[in-house]
Amino acid sequence: MPGVSIAMYQPKWYEALPTLDMFLINDEHGNWIKPGNFQDSPVEEYAGVLSHEYHKRYDDIWKWLETNKLFKNTDIALCCWCPHASAASKQIAQHGTYICHSAVVEQFLMEHFDVEVVRDAERSNMIKI
């Protein structure tokens, strides 16, 4: 199964993958959208703002899906290394779970493109949006 990165940074210990910029966590000004930026309902607010950014990139996402024929039972791994990041470790220690933008990507792909998304074992205890 081919893989592509949806991570802002790829670890040095893993072979570099092509990056899908349309699934990164930055806004059009380059500012990172992170759960810690929100206070009242961090998960919901984070997911909403990030999903809004993905809506702006809808055409790019559609073109990528069409080009790679991902509507035709083709598997591809969307790679992010959040489970290995210190932010995820802190969230797990405090809350017993963590949030990664891959959950927002998952929801967006399923909701808007009817693409099946299967989580790997490291994301099995990640918050579902």
N, C-alpha and C. Protein backbone atom coordinates (compact mmCIF):
# COMPACT_ATOMS: atom_id res chain seq x y z
N MET A 1 0.84 -1.17 0.00
CA MET A 1 0.00 0.00 0.00
C MET A 1 0.89 1.24 0.00
N PRO A 2 0.68 2.13 -0.95
CA PRO A 2 1.49 3.35 -0.97
C PRO A 2 1.11 4.26 0.19
N GLY A 3 2.04 5.09 0.58
CA GLY A 3 1.79 6.01 1.66
C GLY A 3 2.13 7.43 1.27
N VAL A 4 1.43 8.38 1.87
CA VAL A 4 1.70 9.80 1.70
C VAL A 4 1.63 10.43 3.09
N SER A 5 2.36 11.50 3.26
CA SER A 5 2.38 12.18 4.55
C SER A 5 1.33 13.29 4.60
N ILE A 6 0.63 13.34 5.74
CA ILE A 6 -0.25 14.48 6.01
C ILE A 6 0.29 15.22 7.24
N ALA A 7 1.54 14.97 7.56
CA ALA A 7 2.19 15.56 8.74
C ALA A 7 2.91 16.85 8.39
N MET A 8 2.93 17.76 9.34
CA MET A 8 3.70 19.00 9.16
C MET A 8 5.19 18.69 9.06
N TYR A 9 5.63 17.74 9.87
CA TYR A 9 7.03 17.29 9.83
C TYR A 9 7.06 15.78 9.81
N GLN A 10 7.99 15.24 9.06
CA GLN A 10 8.17 13.80 9.03
C GLN A 10 9.38 13.44 9.89
N PRO A 11 9.31 12.31 10.58
CA PRO A 11 10.44 11.94 11.43
C PRO A 11 11.65 11.55 10.59
N LYS A 12 12.80 11.84 11.13
CA LYS A 12 14.05 11.50 10.42
C LYS A 12 14.27 10.00 10.34
N TRP A 13 13.67 9.24 11.25
CA TRP A 13 13.88 7.80 11.30
C TRP A 13 13.00 7.04 10.29
N TYR A 14 12.16 7.75 9.54
CA TYR A 14 11.27 7.11 8.58
C TYR A 14 11.58 7.64 7.19
N GLU A 15 11.51 6.76 6.20
CA GLU A 15 11.77 7.18 4.82
C GLU A 15 10.79 8.28 4.42
N ALA A 16 11.32 9.35 3.85
CA ALA A 16 10.48 10.50 3.49
C ALA A 16 9.41 10.10 2.47
N LEU A 17 8.21 10.61 2.69
CA LEU A 17 7.07 10.34 1.82
C LEU A 17 6.64 11.64 1.14
N PRO A 18 5.96 11.54 0.01
CA PRO A 18 5.39 12.75 -0.58
C PRO A 18 4.36 13.34 0.40
N THR A 19 4.28 14.65 0.46
CA THR A 19 3.37 15.31 1.40
C THR A 19 2.14 15.84 0.66
N LEU A 20 0.98 15.61 1.28
CA LEU A 20 -0.27 16.16 0.77
C LEU A 20 -0.54 17.47 1.50
N ASP A 21 -0.15 18.57 0.89
CA ASP A 21 -0.29 19.88 1.52
C ASP A 21 -1.73 20.21 1.90
N MET A 22 -2.69 19.69 1.14
CA MET A 22 -4.08 20.05 1.40
C MET A 22 -4.60 19.52 2.72
N PHE A 23 -3.87 18.58 3.35
CA PHE A 23 -4.30 18.04 4.63
C PHE A 23 -3.42 18.50 5.80
N LEU A 24 -2.59 19.50 5.57
CA LEU A 24 -1.77 20.03 6.65
C LEU A 24 -2.64 20.90 7.57
N ILE A 25 -2.09 21.28 8.72
CA ILE A 25 -2.89 21.97 9.74
C ILE A 25 -2.72 23.49 9.71
N ASN A 26 -2.16 24.01 8.65
CA ASN A 26 -1.97 25.46 8.58
C ASN A 26 -3.13 26.12 7.85
N ASP A 27 -3.38 27.39 8.22
CA ASP A 27 -4.39 28.15 7.49
C ASP A 27 -3.72 28.85 6.32
N GLU A 28 -4.48 29.68 5.59
CA GLU A 28 -3.93 30.32 4.39
C GLU A 28 -2.81 31.31 4.71
N HIS A 29 -2.67 31.69 5.98
CA HIS A 29 -1.59 32.60 6.39
C HIS A 29 -0.38 31.84 6.94
N GLY A 30 -0.46 30.52 6.98
CA GLY A 30 0.64 29.72 7.50
C GLY A 30 0.56 29.44 8.99
N ASN A 31 -0.47 29.96 9.66
CA ASN A 31 -0.64 29.72 11.10
C ASN A 31 -1.13 28.30 11.34
N TRP A 32 -0.55 27.66 12.33
CA TRP A 32 -0.96 26.30 12.67
C TRP A 32 -2.27 26.32 13.45
N ILE A 33 -3.14 25.41 13.11
CA ILE A 33 -4.39 25.22 13.83
C ILE A 33 -4.18 24.02 14.75
N LYS A 34 -4.19 24.28 16.06
CA LYS A 34 -3.91 23.23 17.05
C LYS A 34 -5.00 23.23 18.12
N PRO A 35 -5.27 22.07 18.73
CA PRO A 35 -6.29 22.01 19.77
C PRO A 35 -6.02 22.98 20.92
N GLY A 36 -4.77 23.21 21.25
CA GLY A 36 -4.42 24.11 22.33
C GLY A 36 -4.77 25.56 22.07
N ASN A 37 -5.14 25.89 20.83
CA ASN A 37 -5.54 27.25 20.49
C ASN A 37 -6.96 27.57 20.96
N PHE A 38 -7.68 26.56 21.40
CA PHE A 38 -9.10 26.72 21.74
C PHE A 38 -9.32 26.36 23.20
N GLN A 39 -10.17 27.12 23.87
CA GLN A 39 -10.35 26.95 25.31
C GLN A 39 -11.69 26.33 25.70
N ASP A 40 -12.79 26.80 25.14
CA ASP A 40 -14.11 26.39 25.61
C ASP A 40 -14.39 24.91 25.32
N SER A 41 -14.33 24.53 24.07
CA SER A 41 -14.55 23.14 23.64
C SER A 41 -13.45 22.81 22.65
N PRO A 42 -12.25 22.53 23.15
CA PRO A 42 -11.08 22.42 22.26
C PRO A 42 -11.24 21.44 21.10
N VAL A 43 -11.79 20.27 21.35
CA VAL A 43 -11.91 19.27 20.28
C VAL A 43 -12.89 19.74 19.22
N GLU A 44 -14.05 20.18 19.65
CA GLU A 44 -15.09 20.60 18.70
C GLU A 44 -14.65 21.85 17.93
N GLU A 45 -14.09 22.83 18.64
CA GLU A 45 -13.66 24.05 17.97
C GLU A 45 -12.52 23.77 17.00
N TYR A 46 -11.55 22.98 17.44
CA TYR A 46 -10.41 22.59 16.59
C TYR A 46 -10.91 21.90 15.33
N ALA A 47 -11.77 20.91 15.51
CA ALA A 47 -12.28 20.15 14.36
C ALA A 47 -13.06 21.05 13.41
N GLY A 48 -13.85 21.97 13.97
CA GLY A 48 -14.64 22.87 13.13
C GLY A 48 -13.79 23.81 12.31
N VAL A 49 -12.79 24.42 12.95
CA VAL A 49 -11.93 25.37 12.24
C VAL A 49 -11.10 24.64 11.19
N LEU A 50 -10.55 23.49 11.55
CA LEU A 50 -9.73 22.74 10.60
C LEU A 50 -10.57 22.22 9.44
N SER A 51 -11.76 21.75 9.74
CA SER A 51 -12.66 21.28 8.67
C SER A 51 -13.00 22.43 7.73
N HIS A 52 -13.20 23.62 8.28
CA HIS A 52 -13.45 24.81 7.46
C HIS A 52 -12.29 25.06 6.49
N GLU A 53 -11.06 24.89 6.99
CA GLU A 53 -9.88 25.04 6.11
C GLU A 53 -9.89 23.99 5.02
N TYR A 54 -10.26 22.75 5.36
CA TYR A 54 -10.30 21.69 4.36
C TYR A 54 -11.39 21.97 3.32
N HIS A 55 -12.49 22.59 3.72
CA HIS A 55 -13.52 22.99 2.75
C HIS A 55 -12.94 23.95 1.71
N LYS A 56 -12.08 24.83 2.14
CA LYS A 56 -11.44 25.76 1.21
C LYS A 56 -10.55 25.02 0.21
N ARG A 57 -10.11 23.84 0.58
CA ARG A 57 -9.20 23.05 -0.27
C ARG A 57 -9.94 21.92 -0.99
N TYR A 58 -11.26 21.99 -0.97
CA TYR A 58 -12.10 20.92 -1.51
C TYR A 58 -11.69 20.52 -2.92
N ASP A 59 -11.51 21.49 -3.80
CA ASP A 59 -11.17 21.18 -5.20
C ASP A 59 -9.85 20.44 -5.30
N ASP A 60 -8.86 20.85 -4.50
CA ASP A 60 -7.57 20.16 -4.51
C ASP A 60 -7.70 18.73 -4.01
N ILE A 61 -8.51 18.55 -2.98
CA ILE A 61 -8.72 17.20 -2.43
C ILE A 61 -9.43 16.33 -3.47
N TRP A 62 -10.46 16.89 -4.11
CA TRP A 62 -11.19 16.16 -5.14
C TRP A 62 -10.25 15.73 -6.27
N LYS A 63 -9.42 16.66 -6.75
CA LYS A 63 -8.48 16.34 -7.83
C LYS A 63 -7.52 15.22 -7.41
N TRP A 64 -7.06 15.29 -6.17
CA TRP A 64 -6.13 14.25 -5.68
C TRP A 64 -6.83 12.90 -5.63
N LEU A 65 -8.04 12.86 -5.13
CA LEU A 65 -8.80 11.61 -5.07
C LEU A 65 -9.04 11.05 -6.47
N GLU A 66 -9.45 11.89 -7.39
CA GLU A 66 -9.71 11.47 -8.77
C GLU A 66 -8.44 10.98 -9.46
N THR A 67 -7.37 11.75 -9.33
CA THR A 67 -6.10 11.40 -9.97
C THR A 67 -5.59 10.04 -9.50
N ASN A 68 -5.78 9.76 -8.21
CA ASN A 68 -5.31 8.51 -7.64
C ASN A 68 -6.36 7.42 -7.61
N LYS A 69 -7.50 7.70 -8.22
CA LYS A 69 -8.60 6.74 -8.34
C LYS A 69 -8.97 6.13 -6.98
N LEU A 70 -9.00 6.97 -5.97
CA LEU A 70 -9.27 6.47 -4.62
C LEU A 70 -10.74 6.20 -4.37
N PHE A 71 -11.57 6.41 -5.40
CA PHE A 71 -12.97 6.04 -5.29
C PHE A 71 -13.17 4.60 -5.79
N LYS A 72 -12.12 3.97 -6.24
CA LYS A 72 -12.25 2.67 -6.88
C LYS A 72 -11.54 1.58 -6.07
N ASN A 73 -11.81 1.54 -4.76
CA ASN A 73 -11.26 0.51 -3.88
C ASN A 73 -9.75 0.45 -3.89
N THR A 74 -9.12 1.58 -3.98
CA THR A 74 -7.66 1.66 -3.93
C THR A 74 -7.27 2.06 -2.52
N ASP A 75 -6.32 1.33 -1.94
CA ASP A 75 -5.85 1.65 -0.60
C ASP A 75 -4.64 2.57 -0.65
N ILE A 76 -4.60 3.49 0.29
CA ILE A 76 -3.45 4.38 0.44
C ILE A 76 -3.36 4.73 1.92
N ALA A 77 -2.15 4.83 2.42
CA ALA A 77 -1.94 5.17 3.82
C ALA A 77 -1.67 6.66 3.95
N LEU A 78 -2.49 7.34 4.78
CA LEU A 78 -2.27 8.74 5.09
C LEU A 78 -1.48 8.76 6.40
N CYS A 79 -0.22 9.13 6.32
CA CYS A 79 0.68 8.97 7.45
C CYS A 79 0.88 10.27 8.24
N CYS A 80 0.75 10.14 9.55
CA CYS A 80 1.05 11.22 10.48
C CYS A 80 1.64 10.56 11.72
N TRP A 81 2.58 11.21 12.33
CA TRP A 81 3.29 10.60 13.45
C TRP A 81 2.90 11.21 14.79
N CYS A 82 1.70 11.77 14.88
CA CYS A 82 1.24 12.37 16.13
C CYS A 82 1.31 11.42 17.33
N PRO A 83 0.98 10.14 17.18
CA PRO A 83 1.05 9.28 18.37
C PRO A 83 2.44 9.24 19.01
N HIS A 84 3.47 9.63 18.26
CA HIS A 84 4.84 9.62 18.77
C HIS A 84 5.29 10.99 19.25
N ALA A 85 4.43 11.99 19.14
CA ALA A 85 4.78 13.37 19.49
C ALA A 85 4.53 13.63 20.97
N SER A 86 5.28 14.57 21.51
CA SER A 86 5.13 14.90 22.93
C SER A 86 3.74 15.47 23.23
N ALA A 87 3.16 16.21 22.30
CA ALA A 87 1.81 16.77 22.53
C ALA A 87 0.79 15.65 22.74
N ALA A 88 0.87 14.58 21.95
CA ALA A 88 -0.04 13.45 22.12
C ALA A 88 0.21 12.75 23.45
N SER A 89 1.47 12.61 23.82
CA SER A 89 1.80 11.98 25.11
C SER A 89 1.20 12.76 26.27
N LYS A 90 1.29 14.09 26.20
CA LYS A 90 0.71 14.94 27.25
C LYS A 90 -0.81 14.78 27.30
N GLN A 91 -1.45 14.76 26.12
CA GLN A 91 -2.90 14.60 26.08
C GLN A 91 -3.33 13.26 26.65
N ILE A 92 -2.59 12.21 26.32
CA ILE A 92 -2.92 10.87 26.83
C ILE A 92 -2.76 10.84 28.35
N ALA A 93 -1.68 11.44 28.86
CA ALA A 93 -1.45 11.48 30.31
C ALA A 93 -2.57 12.24 31.03
N GLN A 94 -3.04 13.34 30.44
CA GLN A 94 -4.07 14.16 31.07
C GLN A 94 -5.48 13.63 30.86
N HIS A 95 -5.76 13.11 29.66
CA HIS A 95 -7.15 12.79 29.30
C HIS A 95 -7.38 11.32 28.94
N GLY A 96 -6.32 10.54 28.84
CA GLY A 96 -6.47 9.13 28.47
C GLY A 96 -6.64 8.92 26.98
N THR A 97 -6.60 9.98 26.20
CA THR A 97 -6.73 9.91 24.75
C THR A 97 -6.06 11.14 24.15
N TYR A 98 -6.10 11.26 22.85
CA TYR A 98 -5.50 12.42 22.19
C TYR A 98 -6.28 12.73 20.91
N ILE A 99 -6.01 13.91 20.38
CA ILE A 99 -6.62 14.30 19.10
C ILE A 99 -5.49 14.60 18.11
N CYS A 100 -5.70 14.20 16.90
CA CYS A 100 -4.76 14.44 15.81
C CYS A 100 -5.59 14.93 14.63
N HIS A 101 -5.00 15.75 13.79
CA HIS A 101 -5.75 16.24 12.63
C HIS A 101 -6.18 15.12 11.70
N SER A 102 -5.55 13.94 11.83
CA SER A 102 -5.97 12.82 10.99
C SER A 102 -7.43 12.43 11.28
N ALA A 103 -7.92 12.70 12.50
CA ALA A 103 -9.33 12.44 12.80
C ALA A 103 -10.23 13.39 12.00
N VAL A 104 -9.79 14.62 11.83
CA VAL A 104 -10.56 15.60 11.05
C VAL A 104 -10.50 15.22 9.57
N VAL A 105 -9.32 14.81 9.11
CA VAL A 105 -9.18 14.34 7.73
C VAL A 105 -10.10 13.15 7.49
N GLU A 106 -10.09 12.21 8.42
CA GLU A 106 -10.96 11.03 8.34
C GLU A 106 -12.42 11.43 8.18
N GLN A 107 -12.89 12.29 9.07
CA GLN A 107 -14.28 12.74 9.02
C GLN A 107 -14.59 13.45 7.71
N PHE A 108 -13.69 14.32 7.29
CA PHE A 108 -13.90 15.09 6.07
C PHE A 108 -14.00 14.18 4.85
N LEU A 109 -13.11 13.22 4.74
CA LEU A 109 -13.13 12.30 3.59
C LEU A 109 -14.39 11.44 3.58
N MET A 110 -14.78 10.97 4.75
CA MET A 110 -15.98 10.13 4.81
C MET A 110 -17.24 10.94 4.53
N GLU A 111 -17.32 12.12 5.11
CA GLU A 111 -18.53 12.95 4.99
C GLU A 111 -18.71 13.55 3.60
N HIS A 112 -17.63 14.03 3.01
CA HIS A 112 -17.75 14.78 1.76
C HIS A 112 -17.45 13.96 0.50
N PHE A 113 -16.73 12.86 0.66
CA PHE A 113 -16.35 12.09 -0.52
C PHE A 113 -16.73 10.61 -0.42
N ASP A 114 -17.37 10.23 0.68
CA ASP A 114 -17.79 8.85 0.89
C ASP A 114 -16.63 7.87 0.74
N VAL A 115 -15.47 8.27 1.26
CA VAL A 115 -14.28 7.43 1.22
C VAL A 115 -14.16 6.70 2.55
N GLU A 116 -13.97 5.40 2.49
CA GLU A 116 -13.78 4.62 3.72
C GLU A 116 -12.40 4.90 4.30
N VAL A 117 -12.35 5.15 5.59
CA VAL A 117 -11.09 5.39 6.28
C VAL A 117 -10.98 4.37 7.41
N VAL A 118 -9.86 3.67 7.45
CA VAL A 118 -9.61 2.69 8.49
C VAL A 118 -8.43 3.17 9.32
N ARG A 119 -8.61 3.22 10.62
CA ARG A 119 -7.54 3.67 11.51
C ARG A 119 -6.55 2.54 11.78
N ASP A 120 -5.29 2.92 11.95
CA ASP A 120 -4.30 1.94 12.37
C ASP A 120 -4.40 1.76 13.88
N ALA A 121 -3.65 0.81 14.41
CA ALA A 121 -3.72 0.49 15.84
C ALA A 121 -3.36 1.67 16.72
N GLU A 122 -2.42 2.50 16.29
CA GLU A 122 -2.00 3.63 17.11
C GLU A 122 -3.08 4.70 17.22
N ARG A 123 -4.06 4.68 16.34
CA ARG A 123 -5.14 5.66 16.39
C ARG A 123 -6.44 5.06 16.92
N SER A 124 -6.39 3.83 17.35
CA SER A 124 -7.61 3.17 17.81
C SER A 124 -8.18 3.83 19.06
N ASN A 125 -7.34 4.45 19.89
CA ASN A 125 -7.88 5.12 21.09
C ASN A 125 -7.92 6.63 20.92
N MET A 126 -7.71 7.11 19.71
CA MET A 126 -7.78 8.54 19.44
C MET A 126 -9.24 8.98 19.43
N ILE A 127 -9.50 10.19 19.84
CA ILE A 127 -10.85 10.74 19.85
C ILE A 127 -11.44 10.68 18.44
N LYS A 128 -12.69 10.25 18.38
CA LYS A 128 -13.41 10.33 17.10
C LYS A 128 -14.20 11.62 17.08
N ILE A 129 -14.23 12.23 15.95
CA ILE A 129 -14.92 13.52 15.83
C ILE A 129 -16.32 13.29 15.30
